[in-house]
Amino acid sequence: MMEIALVADLHGNLPAAEAVDRDISARGIQRVWCLGDVVGKGPSSADTFDWAVNRCEFILQGNWDDGIGRKLFPKDEFYYRQLGERRMRMLTEFPLEHTCLISGRRMRLFHGRPTMPEPYYVHSDYELLSPYFEPDFDVVGYADVHRQGMRVLGFRGILFNTGSVGNGLGVPMAQYAILRGAMDSAEKAPLDINLVTVPYDRDRAVRDAREAGKRGLHNWDLFIREIESGVYARNNGAPSRKAL
C-alpha cells in the first residue's frame, strides 16, 4: 500500500507550506502531488513555487497559476516581479489534470478552474458535478474552493476536495489530503482518503503579508482577514477573480 499527500492552493503562504511539509515528513509519506494554485494571494509566491517544484512529483495548473503565468491581471505586478520569467513560463506549462489507477478505482485529479467553469463545492448540485466522472472514473479529487469535503455523488463515485494549504476556509488551518491504496493496481483493494488540517504560524504569515503590502502586494489586507477568520473576504463588491 502506498501513501500520497495531495496539496493544493499554497497561495504564497510559506509558513503554511512549511507546516504541511513537516507533517508529511513526520508521517513518513514520500510522495507528494500538487493540484495547483501554488502562487498568488499571499506574500511569498516564489518560495511556495520553489517548494512545490522541489517537493512534488507533479503540479497541476490552477486558475491563479494560469492568470499570473499569462499576465492576465494588471494588478498582479507584485507577483511578476517576485516570480521572474522562468517561473512564470513554468506556470503556463503545468498540465490540467492527472489520472491514475489506485486500488482498482479509476481516479481523476484536477485543480477546479480552469477545468470547471466556476468554483463548485462538494455539496453543489449533482448535475454540476456528475460530468467530471465521465467517461468511467470512480473517484474525483480537486481543490480550488479552499474548503475540504467528501461526498458519495449519487451512483457515480467518491468526490473529495483537498482544501487549501495556504488559504484554508471554513477551518483556518493548513489543509491537505492523504491517499492510501494500491497504486497502479486493477485489483479491488482498500482505499483511504483522509482530510488533514494542520496548525501553522499564522502570526508570521500575517507579518509577511503586511510587509509585502508595503512593497505592492494587492489585497494584502483581505488575505490577512481570510487566514485569520477562514471566511472569504470580498473587496466591497469590486470586480475581481470571481471568488478565490
C-alpha atoms as a PDB file:
ATOM      1  CA  MET A   1       0.000   0.000   0.000  1.00  0.00           C
ATOM      2  CA  MET A   2       1.264   3.446  -0.948  1.00  0.00           C
ATOM      3  CA  GLU A   3       0.578   6.792   0.734  1.00  0.00           C
ATOM      4  CA  ILE A   4       0.443  10.012  -1.272  1.00  0.00           C
ATOM      5  CA  ALA A   5      -0.066  13.531   0.058  1.00  0.00           C
ATOM      6  CA  LEU A   6      -2.236  15.798  -2.089  1.00  0.00           C
ATOM      7  CA  VAL A   7      -1.555  19.504  -1.594  1.00  0.00           C
ATOM      8  CA  ALA A   8      -3.104  22.492  -3.347  1.00  0.00           C
ATOM      9  CA  ASP A   9      -3.739  26.219  -3.123  1.00  0.00           C
ATOM     10  CA  LEU A  10      -0.480  27.143  -1.417  1.00  0.00           C
ATOM     11  CA  HIS A  11      -1.071  30.750  -2.482  1.00  0.00           C
ATOM     12  CA  GLY A  12       2.218  32.222  -1.392  1.00  0.00           C
ATOM     13  CA  ASN A  13       1.811  31.269   2.276  1.00  0.00           C
ATOM     14  CA  LEU A  14       5.239  29.918   3.178  1.00  0.00           C
ATOM     15  CA  PRO A  15       4.620  29.240   6.910  1.00  0.00           C
ATOM     16  CA  ALA A  16       1.627  27.072   5.976  1.00  0.00           C
ATOM     17  CA  ALA A  17       3.584  25.174   3.321  1.00  0.00           C
ATOM     18  CA  GLU A  18       6.423  24.537   5.768  1.00  0.00           C
ATOM     19  CA  ALA A  19       3.996  23.234   8.413  1.00  0.00           C
ATOM     20  CA  VAL A  20       2.431  20.831   5.926  1.00  0.00           C
ATOM     21  CA  ASP A  21       5.883  19.722   4.807  1.00  0.00           C
ATOM     22  CA  ARG A  22       6.803  18.901   8.406  1.00  0.00           C
ATOM     23  CA  ASP A  23       3.556  16.987   8.922  1.00  0.00           C
ATOM     24  CA  ILE A  24       4.015  14.979   5.726  1.00  0.00           C
ATOM     25  CA  SER A  25       7.589  14.125   6.717  1.00  0.00           C
ATOM     26  CA  ALA A  26       6.571  13.155  10.261  1.00  0.00           C
ATOM     27  CA  ARG A  27       4.076  10.676   8.795  1.00  0.00           C
ATOM     28  CA  GLY A  28       6.782   9.137   6.625  1.00  0.00           C
ATOM     29  CA  ILE A  29       4.988   9.975   3.376  1.00  0.00           C
ATOM     30  CA  GLN A  30       7.407  10.056   0.456  1.00  0.00           C
ATOM     31  CA  ARG A  31       5.167  11.002  -2.465  1.00  0.00           C
ATOM     32  CA  VAL A  32       3.512  14.410  -2.853  1.00  0.00           C
ATOM     33  CA  TRP A  33       1.236  15.551  -5.675  1.00  0.00           C
ATOM     34  CA  CYS A  34       0.127  19.159  -6.123  1.00  0.00           C
ATOM     35  CA  LEU A  35      -3.282  20.125  -7.507  1.00  0.00           C
ATOM     36  CA  GLY A  36      -2.352  23.690  -8.377  1.00  0.00           C
ATOM     37  CA  ASP A  37      -2.516  27.346  -7.371  1.00  0.00           C
ATOM     38  CA  VAL A  38       0.951  27.431  -5.888  1.00  0.00           C
ATOM     39  CA  VAL A  39       1.116  31.228  -6.334  1.00  0.00           C
ATOM     40  CA  GLY A  40      -0.931  34.387  -5.836  1.00  0.00           C
ATOM     41  CA  LYS A  41      -2.883  35.968  -2.993  1.00  0.00           C
ATOM     42  CA  GLY A  42      -0.145  35.652  -0.370  1.00  0.00           C
ATOM     43  CA  PRO A  43       3.256  37.330   0.007  1.00  0.00           C
ATOM     44  CA  SER A  44       5.727  34.524  -0.801  1.00  0.00           C
ATOM     45  CA  SER A  45       4.808  33.111  -4.206  1.00  0.00           C
ATOM     46  CA  ALA A  46       8.401  32.472  -5.306  1.00  0.00           C
ATOM     47  CA  ASP A  47       9.064  30.452  -2.145  1.00  0.00           C
ATOM     48  CA  THR A  48       5.907  28.343  -2.374  1.00  0.00           C
ATOM     49  CA  PHE A  49       6.505  27.805  -6.087  1.00  0.00           C
ATOM     50  CA  ASP A  50      10.044  26.551  -5.386  1.00  0.00           C
ATOM     51  CA  TRP A  51       8.815  24.337  -2.547  1.00  0.00           C
ATOM     52  CA  ALA A  52       6.218  22.724  -4.803  1.00  0.00           C
ATOM     53  CA  VAL A  53       8.655  22.192  -7.682  1.00  0.00           C
ATOM     54  CA  ASN A  54      11.226  20.595  -5.379  1.00  0.00           C
ATOM     55  CA  ARG A  55       8.789  18.519  -3.272  1.00  0.00           C
ATOM     56  CA  CYS A  56       6.059  17.372  -5.652  1.00  0.00           C
ATOM     57  CA  GLU A  57       6.117  14.709  -8.353  1.00  0.00           C
ATOM     58  CA  PHE A  58       3.877  16.894 -10.495  1.00  0.00           C
ATOM     59  CA  ILE A  59       1.969  20.175 -10.256  1.00  0.00           C
ATOM     60  CA  LEU A  60      -1.370  20.727 -11.952  1.00  0.00           C
ATOM     61  CA  GLN A  61      -2.308  24.145 -13.253  1.00  0.00           C
ATOM     62  CA  GLY A  62      -4.783  26.230 -11.276  1.00  0.00           C
ATOM     63  CA  ASN A  63      -6.624  29.403 -12.216  1.00  0.00           C
ATOM     64  CA  TRP A  64      -4.162  31.667 -10.371  1.00  0.00           C
ATOM     65  CA  ASP A  65      -1.194  29.857 -11.953  1.00  0.00           C
ATOM     66  CA  ASP A  66      -2.741  30.414 -15.370  1.00  0.00           C
ATOM     67  CA  GLY A  67      -3.670  34.053 -14.738  1.00  0.00           C
ATOM     68  CA  ILE A  68      -0.296  35.036 -13.323  1.00  0.00           C
ATOM     69  CA  GLY A  69       1.710  32.987 -15.813  1.00  0.00           C
ATOM     70  CA  ARG A  70      -0.062  34.669 -18.730  1.00  0.00           C
ATOM     71  CA  LYS A  71      -0.149  38.132 -17.095  1.00  0.00           C
ATOM     72  CA  LEU A  72      -3.923  38.386 -17.341  1.00  0.00           C
ATOM     73  CA  PHE A  73      -4.440  40.798 -14.427  1.00  0.00           C
ATOM     74  CA  PRO A  74      -2.707  44.219 -14.320  1.00  0.00           C
ATOM     75  CA  LYS A  75      -2.749  44.361 -10.514  1.00  0.00           C
ATOM     76  CA  ASP A  76      -0.571  41.225 -10.289  1.00  0.00           C
ATOM     77  CA  GLU A  77       2.668  43.104 -10.959  1.00  0.00           C
ATOM     78  CA  PHE A  78       3.919  42.191  -7.462  1.00  0.00           C
ATOM     79  CA  TYR A  79       3.832  38.501  -8.389  1.00  0.00           C
ATOM     80  CA  TYR A  80       5.517  39.084 -11.755  1.00  0.00           C
ATOM     81  CA  ARG A  81       8.441  40.837 -10.102  1.00  0.00           C
ATOM     82  CA  GLN A  82       8.746  38.188  -7.415  1.00  0.00           C
ATOM     83  CA  LEU A  83       8.500  35.133  -9.639  1.00  0.00           C
ATOM     84  CA  GLY A  84      10.543  36.153 -12.665  1.00  0.00           C
ATOM     85  CA  GLU A  85      10.134  34.977 -16.239  1.00  0.00           C
ATOM     86  CA  ARG A  86      11.358  31.397 -15.774  1.00  0.00           C
ATOM     87  CA  ARG A  87       8.870  30.544 -13.024  1.00  0.00           C
ATOM     88  CA  MET A  88       6.043  32.300 -14.847  1.00  0.00           C
ATOM     89  CA  ARG A  89       6.738  30.343 -18.002  1.00  0.00           C
ATOM     90  CA  MET A  90       6.646  27.125 -15.986  1.00  0.00           C
ATOM     91  CA  LEU A  91       3.242  28.120 -14.575  1.00  0.00           C
ATOM     92  CA  THR A  92       1.800  28.098 -18.099  1.00  0.00           C
ATOM     93  CA  GLU A  93       3.256  24.634 -18.790  1.00  0.00           C
ATOM     94  CA  PHE A  94       1.689  22.751 -15.871  1.00  0.00           C
ATOM     95  CA  PRO A  95      -0.812  20.077 -17.031  1.00  0.00           C
ATOM     96  CA  LEU A  96      -4.518  20.491 -16.298  1.00  0.00           C
ATOM     97  CA  GLU A  97      -5.201  17.043 -14.828  1.00  0.00           C
ATOM     98  CA  HIS A  98      -3.796  13.699 -13.756  1.00  0.00           C
ATOM     99  CA  THR A  99      -5.451  10.299 -13.930  1.00  0.00           C
ATOM    100  CA  CYS A 100      -4.352   7.105 -12.231  1.00  0.00           C
ATOM    101  CA  LEU A 101      -5.465   3.651 -11.164  1.00  0.00           C
ATOM    102  CA  ILE A 102      -5.486   3.061  -7.413  1.00  0.00           C
ATOM    103  CA  SER A 103      -6.929   0.049  -5.556  1.00  0.00           C
ATOM    104  CA  GLY A 104      -8.949  -0.911  -8.613  1.00  0.00           C
ATOM    105  CA  ARG A 105     -10.506   2.543  -9.000  1.00  0.00           C
ATOM    106  CA  ARG A 106     -10.030   4.996 -11.833  1.00  0.00           C
ATOM    107  CA  MET A 107      -9.168   8.367 -10.293  1.00  0.00           C
ATOM    108  CA  ARG A 108      -9.248  11.814 -11.866  1.00  0.00           C
ATOM    109  CA  LEU A 109      -7.458  14.779 -10.262  1.00  0.00           C
ATOM    110  CA  PHE A 110      -7.567  18.425 -11.339  1.00  0.00           C
ATOM    111  CA  HIS A 111      -7.481  21.842  -9.723  1.00  0.00           C
ATOM    112  CA  GLY A 112     -11.036  23.067 -10.339  1.00  0.00           C
ATOM    113  CA  ARG A 113     -10.866  26.060 -12.628  1.00  0.00           C
ATOM    114  CA  PRO A 114      -9.992  26.215 -15.493  1.00  0.00           C
ATOM    115  CA  THR A 115     -11.409  22.654 -15.851  1.00  0.00           C
ATOM    116  CA  MET A 116     -14.577  23.784 -14.059  1.00  0.00           C
ATOM    117  CA  PRO A 117     -16.247  26.974 -15.326  1.00  0.00           C
ATOM    118  CA  GLU A 118     -16.612  28.316 -11.770  1.00  0.00           C
ATOM    119  CA  PRO A 119     -15.952  27.137  -8.199  1.00  0.00           C
ATOM    120  CA  TYR A 120     -18.108  24.123  -7.282  1.00  0.00           C
ATOM    121  CA  TYR A 121     -18.212  22.833  -3.703  1.00  0.00           C
ATOM    122  CA  VAL A 122     -18.601  19.143  -2.936  1.00  0.00           C
ATOM    123  CA  HIS A 123     -22.212  19.827  -1.902  1.00  0.00           C
ATOM    124  CA  SER A 124     -23.072  21.576  -5.200  1.00  0.00           C
ATOM    125  CA  ASP A 125     -25.853  20.113  -7.362  1.00  0.00           C
ATOM    126  CA  TYR A 126     -25.414  16.605  -8.734  1.00  0.00           C
ATOM    127  CA  GLU A 127     -25.964  17.855 -12.286  1.00  0.00           C
ATOM    128  CA  LEU A 128     -22.974  20.212 -11.994  1.00  0.00           C
ATOM    129  CA  LEU A 129     -20.578  17.616 -10.602  1.00  0.00           C
ATOM    130  CA  SER A 130     -21.620  14.409 -12.346  1.00  0.00           C
ATOM    131  CA  PRO A 131     -19.921  15.214 -15.697  1.00  0.00           C
ATOM    132  CA  TYR A 132     -16.484  15.148 -14.077  1.00  0.00           C
ATOM    133  CA  PHE A 133     -16.842  11.381 -13.574  1.00  0.00           C
ATOM    134  CA  GLU A 134     -17.175  10.853 -17.338  1.00  0.00           C
ATOM    135  CA  PRO A 135     -16.411   8.562 -19.014  1.00  0.00           C
ATOM    136  CA  ASP A 136     -15.570   5.974 -16.357  1.00  0.00           C
ATOM    137  CA  PHE A 137     -13.982   7.491 -13.245  1.00  0.00           C
ATOM    138  CA  ASP A 138     -14.747   6.098  -9.800  1.00  0.00           C
ATOM    139  CA  VAL A 139     -13.043   8.823  -7.756  1.00  0.00           C
ATOM    140  CA  VAL A 140     -12.671  12.546  -8.498  1.00  0.00           C
ATOM    141  CA  GLY A 141     -10.453  14.827  -6.428  1.00  0.00           C
ATOM    142  CA  TYR A 142      -9.999  18.567  -6.852  1.00  0.00           C
ATOM    143  CA  ALA A 143      -9.141  21.783  -4.975  1.00  0.00           C
ATOM    144  CA  ASP A 144      -9.869  25.459  -5.843  1.00  0.00           C
ATOM    145  CA  VAL A 145     -12.637  26.252  -3.310  1.00  0.00           C
ATOM    146  CA  HIS A 146     -10.240  26.166  -0.312  1.00  0.00           C
ATOM    147  CA  ARG A 147     -12.714  24.131   1.731  1.00  0.00           C
ATOM    148  CA  GLN A 148     -12.289  20.424   2.413  1.00  0.00           C
ATOM    149  CA  GLY A 149     -15.080  17.958   1.874  1.00  0.00           C
ATOM    150  CA  MET A 150     -16.028  14.481   0.736  1.00  0.00           C
ATOM    151  CA  ARG A 151     -19.208  13.042  -0.736  1.00  0.00           C
ATOM    152  CA  VAL A 152     -20.551   9.957  -2.440  1.00  0.00           C
ATOM    153  CA  LEU A 153     -22.063  11.507  -5.548  1.00  0.00           C
ATOM    154  CA  GLY A 154     -25.186   9.515  -6.275  1.00  0.00           C
ATOM    155  CA  PHE A 155     -24.168   6.323  -8.037  1.00  0.00           C
ATOM    156  CA  ARG A 156     -21.143   7.903  -9.722  1.00  0.00           C
ATOM    157  CA  GLY A 157     -18.454   7.509  -7.073  1.00  0.00           C
ATOM    158  CA  ILE A 158     -16.455   9.386  -4.452  1.00  0.00           C
ATOM    159  CA  LEU A 159     -15.881  13.125  -4.781  1.00  0.00           C
ATOM    160  CA  PHE A 160     -13.439  14.919  -2.499  1.00  0.00           C
ATOM    161  CA  ASN A 161     -11.781  18.299  -2.122  1.00  0.00           C
ATOM    162  CA  THR A 162      -8.289  18.639  -0.665  1.00  0.00           C
ATOM    163  CA  GLY A 163      -8.834  22.098   0.817  1.00  0.00           C
ATOM    164  CA  SER A 164      -6.109  24.740   0.761  1.00  0.00           C
ATOM    165  CA  VAL A 165      -2.640  24.683   2.286  1.00  0.00           C
ATOM    166  CA  GLY A 166      -2.167  28.445   2.360  1.00  0.00           C
ATOM    167  CA  ASN A 167      -5.674  29.917   2.387  1.00  0.00           C
ATOM    168  CA  GLY A 168      -7.875  27.422   4.205  1.00  0.00           C
ATOM    169  CA  LEU A 169     -11.514  28.455   4.517  1.00  0.00           C
ATOM    170  CA  GLY A 170     -14.063  27.051   6.930  1.00  0.00           C
ATOM    171  CA  VAL A 171     -11.241  25.788   9.130  1.00  0.00           C
ATOM    172  CA  PRO A 172      -8.479  28.461   9.090  1.00  0.00           C
ATOM    173  CA  MET A 173      -5.603  25.997   9.139  1.00  0.00           C
ATOM    174  CA  ALA A 174      -3.367  24.454   6.507  1.00  0.00           C
ATOM    175  CA  GLN A 175      -5.384  21.736   4.757  1.00  0.00           C
ATOM    176  CA  TYR A 176      -4.360  18.784   2.607  1.00  0.00           C
ATOM    177  CA  ALA A 177      -5.381  15.194   1.833  1.00  0.00           C
ATOM    178  CA  ILE A 178      -3.737  11.776   2.043  1.00  0.00           C
ATOM    179  CA  LEU A 179      -4.454   8.849  -0.291  1.00  0.00           C
ATOM    180  CA  ARG A 180      -3.578   5.340   0.803  1.00  0.00           C
ATOM    181  CA  GLY A 181      -4.066   2.473  -1.602  1.00  0.00           C
ATOM    182  CA  ALA A 182      -2.529   0.068  -4.093  1.00  0.00           C
ATOM    183  CA  MET A 183      -1.098   2.231  -6.875  1.00  0.00           C
ATOM    184  CA  ASP A 184      -1.372   1.104 -10.498  1.00  0.00           C
ATOM    185  CA  SER A 185      -3.420  -1.909  -9.437  1.00  0.00           C
ATOM    186  CA  ALA A 186      -6.576  -3.021 -11.238  1.00  0.00           C
ATOM    187  CA  GLU A 187      -7.453  -5.362  -8.383  1.00  0.00           C
ATOM    188  CA  LYS A 188     -10.004  -4.025  -5.914  1.00  0.00           C
ATOM    189  CA  ALA A 189      -8.342  -3.199  -2.574  1.00  0.00           C
ATOM    190  CA  PRO A 190      -8.936  -0.847   0.365  1.00  0.00           C
ATOM    191  CA  LEU A 191      -8.676   2.853  -0.433  1.00  0.00           C
ATOM    192  CA  ASP A 192      -8.317   5.512   2.266  1.00  0.00           C
ATOM    193  CA  ILE A 193      -8.899   9.226   1.644  1.00  0.00           C
ATOM    194  CA  ASN A 194      -8.027  11.276   4.711  1.00  0.00           C
ATOM    195  CA  LEU A 195      -8.550  15.023   5.050  1.00  0.00           C
ATOM    196  CA  VAL A 196      -5.922  16.645   7.259  1.00  0.00           C
ATOM    197  CA  THR A 197      -5.789  20.041   8.991  1.00  0.00           C
ATOM    198  CA  VAL A 198      -2.506  21.381  10.347  1.00  0.00           C
ATOM    199  CA  PRO A 199      -1.977  24.445  12.568  1.00  0.00           C
ATOM    200  CA  TYR A 200       0.763  26.813  11.425  1.00  0.00           C
ATOM    201  CA  ASP A 201       2.356  30.111  12.425  1.00  0.00           C
ATOM    202  CA  ARG A 202      -0.388  32.462  11.263  1.00  0.00           C
ATOM    203  CA  ASP A 203       1.187  35.388  13.106  1.00  0.00           C
ATOM    204  CA  ARG A 204       4.237  35.036  10.896  1.00  0.00           C
ATOM    205  CA  ALA A 205       2.023  34.768   7.802  1.00  0.00           C
ATOM    206  CA  VAL A 206       0.220  37.966   8.826  1.00  0.00           C
ATOM    207  CA  ARG A 207       3.535  39.775   9.322  1.00  0.00           C
ATOM    208  CA  ASP A 208       4.770  38.549   5.933  1.00  0.00           C
ATOM    209  CA  ALA A 209       1.608  39.792   4.215  1.00  0.00           C
ATOM    210  CA  ARG A 210       1.673  43.162   5.946  1.00  0.00           C
ATOM    211  CA  GLU A 211       5.304  43.743   4.952  1.00  0.00           C
ATOM    212  CA  ALA A 212       4.577  42.657   1.374  1.00  0.00           C
ATOM    213  CA  GLY A 213       1.704  45.138   1.290  1.00  0.00           C
ATOM    214  CA  LYS A 214       4.259  47.917   1.687  1.00  0.00           C
ATOM    215  CA  ARG A 215       6.018  46.578  -1.421  1.00  0.00           C
ATOM    216  CA  GLY A 216       2.902  46.424  -3.581  1.00  0.00           C
ATOM    217  CA  LEU A 217       1.044  43.190  -2.727  1.00  0.00           C
ATOM    218  CA  HIS A 218      -2.549  43.784  -3.832  1.00  0.00           C
ATOM    219  CA  ASN A 219      -5.347  42.983  -1.354  1.00  0.00           C
ATOM    220  CA  TRP A 220      -2.885  42.020   1.382  1.00  0.00           C
ATOM    221  CA  ASP A 221      -5.461  43.092   3.993  1.00  0.00           C
ATOM    222  CA  LEU A 222      -8.082  40.715   2.551  1.00  0.00           C
ATOM    223  CA  PHE A 223      -5.593  37.863   2.593  1.00  0.00           C
ATOM    224  CA  ILE A 224      -4.885  38.523   6.276  1.00  0.00           C
ATOM    225  CA  ARG A 225      -8.608  38.605   7.034  1.00  0.00           C
ATOM    226  CA  GLU A 226      -9.084  35.257   5.306  1.00  0.00           C
ATOM    227  CA  ILE A 227      -6.247  33.384   7.008  1.00  0.00           C
ATOM    228  CA  GLU A 228      -7.299  34.739  10.398  1.00  0.00           C
ATOM    229  CA  SER A 229     -11.031  34.060  10.061  1.00  0.00           C
ATOM    230  CA  GLY A 230     -11.385  31.272   7.500  1.00  0.00           C
ATOM    231  CA  VAL A 231     -14.038  33.400   5.758  1.00  0.00           C
ATOM    232  CA  TYR A 232     -13.699  34.534   2.134  1.00  0.00           C
ATOM    233  CA  ALA A 233     -13.193  38.318   2.027  1.00  0.00           C
ATOM    234  CA  ARG A 234     -14.723  40.281  -0.816  1.00  0.00           C
ATOM    235  CA  ASN A 235     -13.333  43.666  -1.693  1.00  0.00           C
ATOM    236  CA  ASN A 236     -16.517  45.713  -1.154  1.00  0.00           C
ATOM    237  CA  GLY A 237     -18.152  44.110  -4.175  1.00  0.00           C
ATOM    238  CA  ALA A 238     -15.438  45.348  -6.530  1.00  0.00           C
ATOM    239  CA  PRO A 239     -14.820  43.282  -9.682  1.00  0.00           C
ATOM    240  CA  SER A 240     -12.232  40.560  -9.054  1.00  0.00           C
ATOM    241  CA  ARG A 241     -11.375  36.975  -9.978  1.00  0.00           C
ATOM    242  CA  LYS A 242     -14.894  35.681  -9.296  1.00  0.00           C
ATOM    243  CA  ALA A 243     -14.052  34.389  -5.844  1.00  0.00           C
ATOM    244  CA  LEU A 244     -10.986  32.642  -4.507  1.00  0.00           C
END
